[in-house]
Amino acid sequence: MAFSVKIANLLAYRSGYICNNPECNVLTIGPASSDPHLQTKKGEAAHIVGEKPGAARYRDIGKASIESDQNGIWLCVACHTLIDKNNGKDYEEKELIRWKSSHEELISVLLKTHRSPLPLVRRFSSNMKVAQDMVDTLAHKGVMYQPHAMENPIFVIQSIDQIKRKLLRLLRQIDLDKRLREICEGLISACREVMNENSRDGSALNAFLDILRIRVGRFLYQLQHEYGCSVSGGISVIVRP
């Protein structure tokens, strides 16, 4: 038996229409790409305690409790199916209650502090590893933070070229994340500009390198605060909002 529309809507609103599974956090509503007048929903109100004998995690708690919002959790379709596999043995009642409580508390804090849930969603996406790889690619090259006197101009250009090539490979791995693509493309553009402007005359290389570090520092700040990337070591000195 499905929840009433009233209960399902309540669970959805309290969840911000985001799946309560902390390893998923997928958005469950949005526009249909084929028609501007249609919507897409892939979220469901799922029972924590099963609604009837034989259902996942069933125990007799009474019809009123079974059908109450306290016994519901908002999940995407895939996670709803997942928690009910093997009669729910892999996902116990206490765990689902913890998911729901933690998620609703987070949504409440975001609402009260006027903060976006997008950084949360991004941090748990498949693109998180790509974002961290971008940071590590930059961090492993001293050209981004070492004093100019320690750098050979020829090696500077070679290092920037290596960074650009690695970023181009990472760009192809980004999946459905316009924001991360913009950051990666911005880094590639910044590297390309230094290489183009100093290909024949490197007399102003240090000045271009200073500008590059400023731009990279801003992108690192965005990766750190929007995707939860770890930025440490020598390169942390150039991070700026």
C-alpha atoms as a PDB file:
ATOM      1  CA  MET A   1       0.000   0.000   0.000  1.00  0.00           C
ATOM      2  CA  ALA A   2       1.427   3.363  -1.036  1.00  0.00           C
ATOM      3  CA  PHE A   3       1.404   6.403   1.227  1.00  0.00           C
ATOM      4  CA  SER A   4      -1.324   8.965   0.768  1.00  0.00           C
ATOM      5  CA  VAL A   5      -0.514  11.884  -1.523  1.00  0.00           C
ATOM      6  CA  LYS A   6      -0.499  14.180   1.517  1.00  0.00           C
ATOM      7  CA  ILE A   7       2.105  12.083   3.360  1.00  0.00           C
ATOM      8  CA  ALA A   8       4.228  11.554   0.234  1.00  0.00           C
ATOM      9  CA  ASN A   9       4.285  15.295  -0.470  1.00  0.00           C
ATOM     10  CA  LEU A  10       5.218  16.037   3.143  1.00  0.00           C
ATOM     11  CA  LEU A  11       8.186  13.648   3.010  1.00  0.00           C
ATOM     12  CA  ALA A  12       9.291  15.078  -0.326  1.00  0.00           C
ATOM     13  CA  TYR A  13       9.136  18.684   0.907  1.00  0.00           C
ATOM     14  CA  ARG A  14      10.979  17.870   4.129  1.00  0.00           C
ATOM     15  CA  SER A  15      13.700  16.232   2.033  1.00  0.00           C
ATOM     16  CA  GLY A  16      14.035  19.054  -0.469  1.00  0.00           C
ATOM     17  CA  TYR A  17      13.116  16.434  -3.101  1.00  0.00           C
ATOM     18  CA  ILE A  18      16.576  14.908  -2.590  1.00  0.00           C
ATOM     19  CA  CYS A  19      17.080  11.190  -1.953  1.00  0.00           C
ATOM     20  CA  ASN A  20      17.765  10.569   1.758  1.00  0.00           C
ATOM     21  CA  ASN A  21      20.382   7.887   1.086  1.00  0.00           C
ATOM     22  CA  PRO A  22      23.635   9.651   2.117  1.00  0.00           C
ATOM     23  CA  GLU A  23      25.537   7.771  -0.588  1.00  0.00           C
ATOM     24  CA  CYS A  24      23.124   8.963  -3.263  1.00  0.00           C
ATOM     25  CA  ASN A  25      21.615  12.418  -2.584  1.00  0.00           C
ATOM     26  CA  VAL A  26      20.270  12.557  -6.126  1.00  0.00           C
ATOM     27  CA  LEU A  27      17.727  15.219  -7.052  1.00  0.00           C
ATOM     28  CA  THR A  28      14.384  13.523  -7.707  1.00  0.00           C
ATOM     29  CA  ILE A  29      12.436  16.198  -9.602  1.00  0.00           C
ATOM     30  CA  GLY A  30      13.152  18.365 -12.597  1.00  0.00           C
ATOM     31  CA  PRO A  31      12.008  19.435 -16.060  1.00  0.00           C
ATOM     32  CA  ALA A  32      11.327  16.968 -18.849  1.00  0.00           C
ATOM     33  CA  SER A  33      13.824  17.612 -21.635  1.00  0.00           C
ATOM     34  CA  SER A  34      11.342  16.794 -24.399  1.00  0.00           C
ATOM     35  CA  ASP A  35       8.537  19.199 -23.436  1.00  0.00           C
ATOM     36  CA  PRO A  36       8.701  22.472 -21.447  1.00  0.00           C
ATOM     37  CA  HIS A  37       5.216  21.746 -20.092  1.00  0.00           C
ATOM     38  CA  LEU A  38       6.174  18.382 -18.561  1.00  0.00           C
ATOM     39  CA  GLN A  39       8.049  17.433 -15.404  1.00  0.00           C
ATOM     40  CA  THR A  40      10.153  14.464 -14.358  1.00  0.00           C
ATOM     41  CA  LYS A  41       9.948  12.821 -10.945  1.00  0.00           C
ATOM     42  CA  LYS A  42      12.012   9.827  -9.879  1.00  0.00           C
ATOM     43  CA  GLY A  43      11.436   9.976  -6.152  1.00  0.00           C
ATOM     44  CA  GLU A  44       9.111   7.938  -3.934  1.00  0.00           C
ATOM     45  CA  ALA A  45       7.884   7.795  -0.365  1.00  0.00           C
ATOM     46  CA  ALA A  46       9.210   4.471   0.924  1.00  0.00           C
ATOM     47  CA  HIS A  47       8.150   2.543   4.029  1.00  0.00           C
ATOM     48  CA  ILE A  48      10.716   2.126   6.766  1.00  0.00           C
ATOM     49  CA  VAL A  49       8.694  -0.609   8.466  1.00  0.00           C
ATOM     50  CA  GLY A  50       7.022  -2.749   5.816  1.00  0.00           C
ATOM     51  CA  GLU A  51       3.318  -2.148   5.248  1.00  0.00           C
ATOM     52  CA  LYS A  52       2.229  -5.822   5.349  1.00  0.00           C
ATOM     53  CA  PRO A  53       3.496  -9.287   6.354  1.00  0.00           C
ATOM     54  CA  GLY A  54       6.242 -10.386   3.990  1.00  0.00           C
ATOM     55  CA  ALA A  55       7.272  -6.819   3.155  1.00  0.00           C
ATOM     56  CA  ALA A  56      10.799  -5.595   3.918  1.00  0.00           C
ATOM     57  CA  ARG A  57      11.361  -4.884   7.652  1.00  0.00           C
ATOM     58  CA  TYR A  58       7.725  -5.661   8.506  1.00  0.00           C
ATOM     59  CA  ARG A  59       6.583  -5.791  12.109  1.00  0.00           C
ATOM     60  CA  ASP A  60       3.164  -5.177  13.549  1.00  0.00           C
ATOM     61  CA  ILE A  61       3.087  -1.544  14.677  1.00  0.00           C
ATOM     62  CA  GLY A  62      -0.509  -0.838  13.771  1.00  0.00           C
ATOM     63  CA  LYS A  63      -2.119   0.525  10.623  1.00  0.00           C
ATOM     64  CA  ALA A  64      -1.994   4.171  11.750  1.00  0.00           C
ATOM     65  CA  SER A  65       1.739   4.026  12.443  1.00  0.00           C
ATOM     66  CA  ILE A  66       2.459   2.122   9.228  1.00  0.00           C
ATOM     67  CA  GLU A  67       0.775   4.841   7.161  1.00  0.00           C
ATOM     68  CA  SER A  68       2.178   7.823   9.117  1.00  0.00           C
ATOM     69  CA  ASP A  69       4.907  10.167   7.945  1.00  0.00           C
ATOM     70  CA  GLN A  70       7.084   8.898  10.798  1.00  0.00           C
ATOM     71  CA  ASN A  71       7.319   5.575   8.977  1.00  0.00           C
ATOM     72  CA  GLY A  72       8.214   7.110   5.632  1.00  0.00           C
ATOM     73  CA  ILE A  73      11.469   8.139   3.983  1.00  0.00           C
ATOM     74  CA  TRP A  74      11.960   9.929   0.651  1.00  0.00           C
ATOM     75  CA  LEU A  75      14.175   8.007  -1.775  1.00  0.00           C
ATOM     76  CA  CYS A  76      14.899   7.877  -5.474  1.00  0.00           C
ATOM     77  CA  VAL A  77      13.367   4.919  -7.297  1.00  0.00           C
ATOM     78  CA  ALA A  78      16.696   3.057  -7.429  1.00  0.00           C
ATOM     79  CA  CYS A  79      17.379   3.418  -3.687  1.00  0.00           C
ATOM     80  CA  HIS A  80      13.797   2.428  -2.847  1.00  0.00           C
ATOM     81  CA  THR A  81      14.325  -0.810  -4.748  1.00  0.00           C
ATOM     82  CA  LEU A  82      17.740  -1.271  -3.143  1.00  0.00           C
ATOM     83  CA  ILE A  83      16.594  -1.049   0.490  1.00  0.00           C
ATOM     84  CA  ASP A  84      13.839  -3.623  -0.087  1.00  0.00           C
ATOM     85  CA  LYS A  85      16.094  -6.259  -1.652  1.00  0.00           C
ATOM     86  CA  ASN A  86      16.584  -9.464   0.373  1.00  0.00           C
ATOM     87  CA  ASN A  87      13.491  -8.589   2.396  1.00  0.00           C
ATOM     88  CA  GLY A  88      15.254  -5.498   3.707  1.00  0.00           C
ATOM     89  CA  LYS A  89      17.930  -7.419   5.618  1.00  0.00           C
ATOM     90  CA  ASP A  90      20.742  -5.240   4.270  1.00  0.00           C
ATOM     91  CA  TYR A  91      19.073  -2.005   5.414  1.00  0.00           C
ATOM     92  CA  GLU A  92      17.679  -2.152   8.920  1.00  0.00           C
ATOM     93  CA  GLU A  93      14.992   0.077  10.339  1.00  0.00           C
ATOM     94  CA  LYS A  94      17.426   1.986  12.581  1.00  0.00           C
ATOM     95  CA  GLU A  95      19.703   2.795   9.658  1.00  0.00           C
ATOM     96  CA  LEU A  96      16.872   4.203   7.552  1.00  0.00           C
ATOM     97  CA  ILE A  97      15.644   6.293  10.482  1.00  0.00           C
ATOM     98  CA  ARG A  98      19.178   7.652  10.834  1.00  0.00           C
ATOM     99  CA  TRP A  99      19.300   8.500   7.103  1.00  0.00           C
ATOM    100  CA  LYS A 100      16.033  10.372   7.342  1.00  0.00           C
ATOM    101  CA  SER A 101      16.897  12.261  10.521  1.00  0.00           C
ATOM    102  CA  SER A 102      20.336  13.348   9.296  1.00  0.00           C
ATOM    103  CA  HIS A 103      19.022  14.384   5.896  1.00  0.00           C
ATOM    104  CA  GLU A 104      16.100  16.426   7.214  1.00  0.00           C
ATOM    105  CA  GLU A 105      18.399  18.126   9.728  1.00  0.00           C
ATOM    106  CA  LEU A 106      20.788  19.068   6.917  1.00  0.00           C
ATOM    107  CA  ILE A 107      17.990  20.402   4.698  1.00  0.00           C
ATOM    108  CA  SER A 108      16.694  22.442   7.636  1.00  0.00           C
ATOM    109  CA  VAL A 109      20.123  23.996   8.244  1.00  0.00           C
ATOM    110  CA  LEU A 110      20.539  24.813   4.541  1.00  0.00           C
ATOM    111  CA  LEU A 111      17.113  26.453   4.525  1.00  0.00           C
ATOM    112  CA  LYS A 112      17.739  28.512   7.657  1.00  0.00           C
ATOM    113  CA  THR A 113      21.208  29.650   6.590  1.00  0.00           C
ATOM    114  CA  HIS A 114      20.175  30.349   2.994  1.00  0.00           C
ATOM    115  CA  ARG A 115      22.807  27.998   1.597  1.00  0.00           C
ATOM    116  CA  SER A 116      22.630  25.929  -1.568  1.00  0.00           C
ATOM    117  CA  PRO A 117      22.405  22.115  -1.447  1.00  0.00           C
ATOM    118  CA  LEU A 118      24.380  21.852  -4.702  1.00  0.00           C
ATOM    119  CA  PRO A 119      27.812  21.575  -3.013  1.00  0.00           C
ATOM    120  CA  LEU A 120      26.416  18.645  -1.026  1.00  0.00           C
ATOM    121  CA  VAL A 121      25.166  16.914  -4.163  1.00  0.00           C
ATOM    122  CA  ARG A 122      28.407  17.601  -6.021  1.00  0.00           C
ATOM    123  CA  ARG A 123      30.558  16.134  -3.266  1.00  0.00           C
ATOM    124  CA  PHE A 124      28.812  12.783  -3.559  1.00  0.00           C
ATOM    125  CA  SER A 125      28.767  12.664  -7.354  1.00  0.00           C
ATOM    126  CA  SER A 126      31.047  10.608  -9.596  1.00  0.00           C
ATOM    127  CA  ASN A 127      32.708  13.871 -10.590  1.00  0.00           C
ATOM    128  CA  MET A 128      34.162  14.337  -7.121  1.00  0.00           C
ATOM    129  CA  LYS A 129      37.191  12.206  -8.031  1.00  0.00           C
ATOM    130  CA  VAL A 130      37.702  14.208 -11.230  1.00  0.00           C
ATOM    131  CA  ALA A 131      37.579  17.452  -9.230  1.00  0.00           C
ATOM    132  CA  GLN A 132      40.191  16.137  -6.775  1.00  0.00           C
ATOM    133  CA  ASP A 133      42.359  14.927  -9.672  1.00  0.00           C
ATOM    134  CA  MET A 134      42.254  18.465 -11.068  1.00  0.00           C
ATOM    135  CA  VAL A 135      43.498  19.827  -7.740  1.00  0.00           C
ATOM    136  CA  ASP A 136      46.231  17.183  -7.475  1.00  0.00           C
ATOM    137  CA  THR A 137      47.377  17.861 -11.043  1.00  0.00           C
ATOM    138  CA  LEU A 138      47.961  21.501 -10.133  1.00  0.00           C
ATOM    139  CA  ALA A 139      49.408  20.764  -6.689  1.00  0.00           C
ATOM    140  CA  HIS A 140      52.089  18.430  -8.034  1.00  0.00           C
ATOM    141  CA  LYS A 141      53.634  21.141 -10.211  1.00  0.00           C
ATOM    142  CA  GLY A 142      55.873  23.638  -8.409  1.00  0.00           C
ATOM    143  CA  VAL A 143      55.376  26.086 -11.273  1.00  0.00           C
ATOM    144  CA  MET A 144      52.116  27.049  -9.580  1.00  0.00           C
ATOM    145  CA  TYR A 145      53.670  28.285  -6.344  1.00  0.00           C
ATOM    146  CA  GLN A 146      57.499  28.213  -6.254  1.00  0.00           C
ATOM    147  CA  PRO A 147      59.496  31.500  -6.376  1.00  0.00           C
ATOM    148  CA  HIS A 148      60.345  32.587  -9.917  1.00  0.00           C
ATOM    149  CA  ALA A 149      64.066  32.383  -9.183  1.00  0.00           C
ATOM    150  CA  MET A 150      63.751  28.609  -8.714  1.00  0.00           C
ATOM    151  CA  GLU A 151      62.145  28.064 -12.118  1.00  0.00           C
ATOM    152  CA  ASN A 152      63.806  27.575 -15.513  1.00  0.00           C
ATOM    153  CA  PRO A 153      61.643  29.376 -18.149  1.00  0.00           C
ATOM    154  CA  ILE A 154      61.853  26.420 -20.526  1.00  0.00           C
ATOM    155  CA  PHE A 155      60.690  24.007 -17.829  1.00  0.00           C
ATOM    156  CA  VAL A 156      57.925  26.427 -16.803  1.00  0.00           C
ATOM    157  CA  ILE A 157      56.315  26.211 -20.231  1.00  0.00           C
ATOM    158  CA  GLN A 158      56.787  22.445 -20.307  1.00  0.00           C
ATOM    159  CA  SER A 159      55.124  22.069 -16.901  1.00  0.00           C
ATOM    160  CA  ILE A 160      52.181  24.261 -17.900  1.00  0.00           C
ATOM    161  CA  ASP A 161      51.787  22.230 -21.086  1.00  0.00           C
ATOM    162  CA  GLN A 162      51.747  19.008 -19.065  1.00  0.00           C
ATOM    163  CA  ILE A 163      49.077  20.469 -16.765  1.00  0.00           C
ATOM    164  CA  LYS A 164      46.993  21.536 -19.764  1.00  0.00           C
ATOM    165  CA  ARG A 165      47.199  18.080 -21.347  1.00  0.00           C
ATOM    166  CA  LYS A 166      46.154  16.342 -18.112  1.00  0.00           C
ATOM    167  CA  LEU A 167      43.247  18.764 -17.640  1.00  0.00           C
ATOM    168  CA  LEU A 168      42.066  18.065 -21.190  1.00  0.00           C
ATOM    169  CA  ARG A 169      41.947  14.356 -20.344  1.00  0.00           C
ATOM    170  CA  LEU A 170      40.018  15.066 -17.133  1.00  0.00           C
ATOM    171  CA  LEU A 171      37.595  17.311 -19.013  1.00  0.00           C
ATOM    172  CA  ARG A 172      36.485  14.308 -21.062  1.00  0.00           C
ATOM    173  CA  GLN A 173      35.686  12.405 -17.859  1.00  0.00           C
ATOM    174  CA  ILE A 174      33.290  15.010 -16.434  1.00  0.00           C
ATOM    175  CA  ASP A 175      29.753  13.664 -16.438  1.00  0.00           C
ATOM    176  CA  LEU A 176      26.777  16.033 -16.647  1.00  0.00           C
ATOM    177  CA  ASP A 177      28.241  18.773 -14.455  1.00  0.00           C
ATOM    178  CA  LYS A 178      28.276  22.116 -16.252  1.00  0.00           C
ATOM    179  CA  ARG A 179      29.873  23.903 -13.299  1.00  0.00           C
ATOM    180  CA  LEU A 180      32.840  21.526 -13.090  1.00  0.00           C
ATOM    181  CA  ARG A 181      33.280  21.715 -16.862  1.00  0.00           C
ATOM    182  CA  GLU A 182      33.432  25.512 -16.624  1.00  0.00           C
ATOM    183  CA  ILE A 183      36.140  25.321 -13.950  1.00  0.00           C
ATOM    184  CA  CYS A 184      38.188  22.787 -15.914  1.00  0.00           C
ATOM    185  CA  GLU A 185      37.852  24.761 -19.154  1.00  0.00           C
ATOM    186  CA  GLY A 186      38.828  27.933 -17.290  1.00  0.00           C
ATOM    187  CA  LEU A 187      42.016  26.280 -16.040  1.00  0.00           C
ATOM    188  CA  ILE A 188      42.840  24.985 -19.508  1.00  0.00           C
ATOM    189  CA  SER A 189      42.259  28.438 -21.006  1.00  0.00           C
ATOM    190  CA  ALA A 190      44.508  30.056 -18.392  1.00  0.00           C
ATOM    191  CA  CYS A 191      47.327  27.610 -19.162  1.00  0.00           C
ATOM    192  CA  ARG A 192      46.892  28.002 -22.897  1.00  0.00           C
ATOM    193  CA  GLU A 193      47.083  31.786 -22.635  1.00  0.00           C
ATOM    194  CA  VAL A 194      50.453  31.679 -20.858  1.00  0.00           C
ATOM    195  CA  MET A 195      51.825  29.282 -23.453  1.00  0.00           C
ATOM    196  CA  ASN A 196      50.555  31.289 -26.422  1.00  0.00           C
ATOM    197  CA  GLU A 197      51.787  34.645 -25.119  1.00  0.00           C
ATOM    198  CA  ASN A 198      55.265  33.331 -24.312  1.00  0.00           C
ATOM    199  CA  SER A 199      55.893  30.946 -27.192  1.00  0.00           C
ATOM    200  CA  ARG A 200      58.288  33.339 -28.964  1.00  0.00           C
ATOM    201  CA  ASP A 201      59.202  35.979 -26.406  1.00  0.00           C
ATOM    202  CA  GLY A 202      59.440  34.885 -22.799  1.00  0.00           C
ATOM    203  CA  SER A 203      60.580  38.219 -21.387  1.00  0.00           C
ATOM    204  CA  ALA A 204      57.226  38.744 -19.645  1.00  0.00           C
ATOM    205  CA  LEU A 205      56.834  35.144 -18.494  1.00  0.00           C
ATOM    206  CA  ASN A 206      56.980  35.940 -14.784  1.00  0.00           C
ATOM    207  CA  ALA A 207      54.210  38.508 -15.097  1.00  0.00           C
ATOM    208  CA  PHE A 208      52.006  36.018 -16.963  1.00  0.00           C
ATOM    209  CA  LEU A 209      52.865  33.373 -14.390  1.00  0.00           C
ATOM    210  CA  ASP A 210      51.691  35.668 -11.579  1.00  0.00           C
ATOM    211  CA  ILE A 211      48.370  36.189 -13.369  1.00  0.00           C
ATOM    212  CA  LEU A 212      48.048  32.441 -13.944  1.00  0.00           C
ATOM    213  CA  ARG A 213      48.533  31.756 -10.248  1.00  0.00           C
ATOM    214  CA  ILE A 214      45.838  34.275  -9.313  1.00  0.00           C
ATOM    215  CA  ARG A 215      43.362  32.660 -11.703  1.00  0.00           C
ATOM    216  CA  VAL A 216      44.281  29.146 -10.589  1.00  0.00           C
ATOM    217  CA  GLY A 217      43.981  30.180  -6.941  1.00  0.00           C
ATOM    218  CA  ARG A 218      40.391  31.288  -7.504  1.00  0.00           C
ATOM    219  CA  PHE A 219      39.507  28.044  -9.269  1.00  0.00           C
ATOM    220  CA  LEU A 220      41.095  26.076  -6.409  1.00  0.00           C
ATOM    221  CA  TYR A 221      38.937  27.988  -3.934  1.00  0.00           C
ATOM    222  CA  GLN A 222      35.848  27.001  -5.917  1.00  0.00           C
ATOM    223  CA  LEU A 223      36.903  23.344  -6.059  1.00  0.00           C
ATOM    224  CA  GLN A 224      37.586  23.380  -2.341  1.00  0.00           C
ATOM    225  CA  HIS A 225      34.305  24.983  -1.275  1.00  0.00           C
ATOM    226  CA  GLU A 226      31.907  23.690  -3.924  1.00  0.00           C
ATOM    227  CA  TYR A 227      33.209  20.136  -4.270  1.00  0.00           C
ATOM    228  CA  GLY A 228      34.918  19.573  -0.928  1.00  0.00           C
ATOM    229  CA  CYS A 229      38.319  18.993  -2.529  1.00  0.00           C
ATOM    230  CA  SER A 230      41.381  18.764  -0.316  1.00  0.00           C
ATOM    231  CA  VAL A 231      43.931  21.475  -1.123  1.00  0.00           C
ATOM    232  CA  SER A 232      47.180  21.121   0.820  1.00  0.00           C
ATOM    233  CA  GLY A 233      50.908  21.566   0.508  1.00  0.00           C
ATOM    234  CA  GLY A 234      52.741  24.380  -1.246  1.00  0.00           C
ATOM    235  CA  ILE A 235      49.909  25.222  -3.615  1.00  0.00           C
ATOM    236  CA  SER A 236      47.604  26.189  -0.745  1.00  0.00           C
ATOM    237  CA  VAL A 237      49.346  29.596  -0.589  1.00  0.00           C
ATOM    238  CA  ILE A 238      47.745  30.701  -3.858  1.00  0.00           C
ATOM    239  CA  VAL A 239      44.144  29.781  -2.916  1.00  0.00           C
ATOM    240  CA  ARG A 240      41.912  32.857  -2.843  1.00  0.00           C
ATOM    241  CA  PRO A 241      38.165  33.626  -3.028  1.00  0.00           C
END
